[in-house]
C-alpha cells in the first residue's frame, strides 16, 4: 500500500494538474489523502474563530509566547 499525503493546496491536490493527479496517472493504485494534522488544525482554527472567548484566549497565549520566546 502506497499513499500520498499533503495539505489541501491546489498545487498538491488539484484536479487538473496537481501532484496527486500526476501520481495517480502513473500509479493507479496509490491512495491520496489530505494530511490529518492539517485538517485538524483547520478545524480547530474554524472553531476558535466562532467563539469570541476562545479567540481572546488565543490572543493572550500568542502575546505570552511572543513575550517569552
Protein backbone atom coordinates (compact mmCIF):
# COMPACT_ATOMS: atom_id res chain seq x y z
CA UNK A 1 0.00 0.00 0.00
CA UNK A 2 1.43 3.38 -1.02
CA UNK A 3 -0.10 6.70 -0.04
CA UNK A 4 0.49 10.32 -0.93
CA UNK A 5 -0.37 12.77 1.84
CA UNK A 6 -0.29 16.54 1.59
CA UNK A 7 -2.09 19.68 2.64
CA UNK A 8 -5.07 20.83 0.59
CA UNK A 9 -3.17 23.26 -1.65
CA UNK A 10 -4.34 23.17 -5.25
CA UNK A 11 -0.79 22.55 -6.49
CA UNK A 12 -0.73 19.36 -4.45
CA UNK A 13 -4.30 18.04 -4.79
CA UNK A 14 -5.51 19.92 -7.88
CA UNK A 15 -7.92 18.05 -10.17
CA UNK A 16 -6.26 19.14 -13.41
CA UNK A 17 -2.50 19.29 -12.85
CA UNK A 18 -1.82 18.72 -9.16
CA UNK A 19 0.92 16.44 -7.93
CA UNK A 20 -1.63 13.89 -6.73
CA UNK A 21 -3.33 13.84 -10.14
CA UNK A 22 0.01 13.25 -11.87
CA UNK A 23 0.90 10.45 -9.44
CA UNK A 24 -2.48 8.80 -9.98
CA UNK A 25 -1.89 8.83 -13.73
CA UNK A 26 1.41 6.96 -13.28
CA UNK A 27 0.43 4.71 -10.36
CA UNK A 28 -3.26 3.82 -10.42
CA UNK A 29 -3.26 2.03 -7.04
CA UNK A 30 -1.88 4.92 -4.97
CA UNK A 31 -4.05 6.37 -2.18
CA UNK A 32 -4.27 10.17 -1.94
CA UNK A 33 -5.12 11.66 1.46
CA UNK A 34 -5.21 15.12 2.90
CA UNK A 35 -2.90 15.39 5.91
CA UNK A 36 -4.86 14.58 9.07
CA UNK A 37 -2.81 17.04 11.15
CA UNK A 38 -3.54 19.83 8.68
CA UNK A 39 -7.26 19.00 8.67
CA UNK A 40 -7.29 19.06 12.48
CA UNK A 41 -5.50 22.42 12.55
CA UNK A 42 -8.04 23.89 10.09
CA UNK A 43 -10.97 22.54 12.13
CA UNK A 44 -9.60 23.98 15.38
CA UNK A 45 -8.94 27.31 13.67
CA UNK A 46 -12.55 27.44 12.45
CA UNK A 47 -13.86 26.59 15.93
CA UNK A 48 -11.66 29.25 17.56
CA UNK A 49 -12.90 31.88 15.12
CA UNK A 50 -16.53 31.08 16.01
CA UNK A 51 -16.20 31.67 19.76
CA UNK A 52 -15.10 35.10 20.99
CA UNK A 53 -13.90 33.84 24.39
CA UNK A 54 -11.61 31.26 22.86
CA UNK A 55 -10.32 33.83 20.38
CA UNK A 56 -9.40 36.20 23.23
CA UNK A 57 -7.62 33.33 24.98
CA UNK A 58 -5.65 32.60 21.80
CA UNK A 59 -4.61 36.25 21.54
CA UNK A 60 -3.50 36.15 25.18
CA UNK A 61 -1.46 32.97 24.62
CA UNK A 62 0.13 34.45 21.47
CA UNK A 63 1.18 37.51 23.42
CA UNK A 64 2.67 35.37 26.18
CA UNK A 65 4.55 33.30 23.64
CA UNK A 66 5.97 36.38 21.92
CA UNK A 67 6.99 37.85 25.28
CA UNK A 68 8.90 34.77 26.46
CA UNK A 69 10.30 33.50 23.16
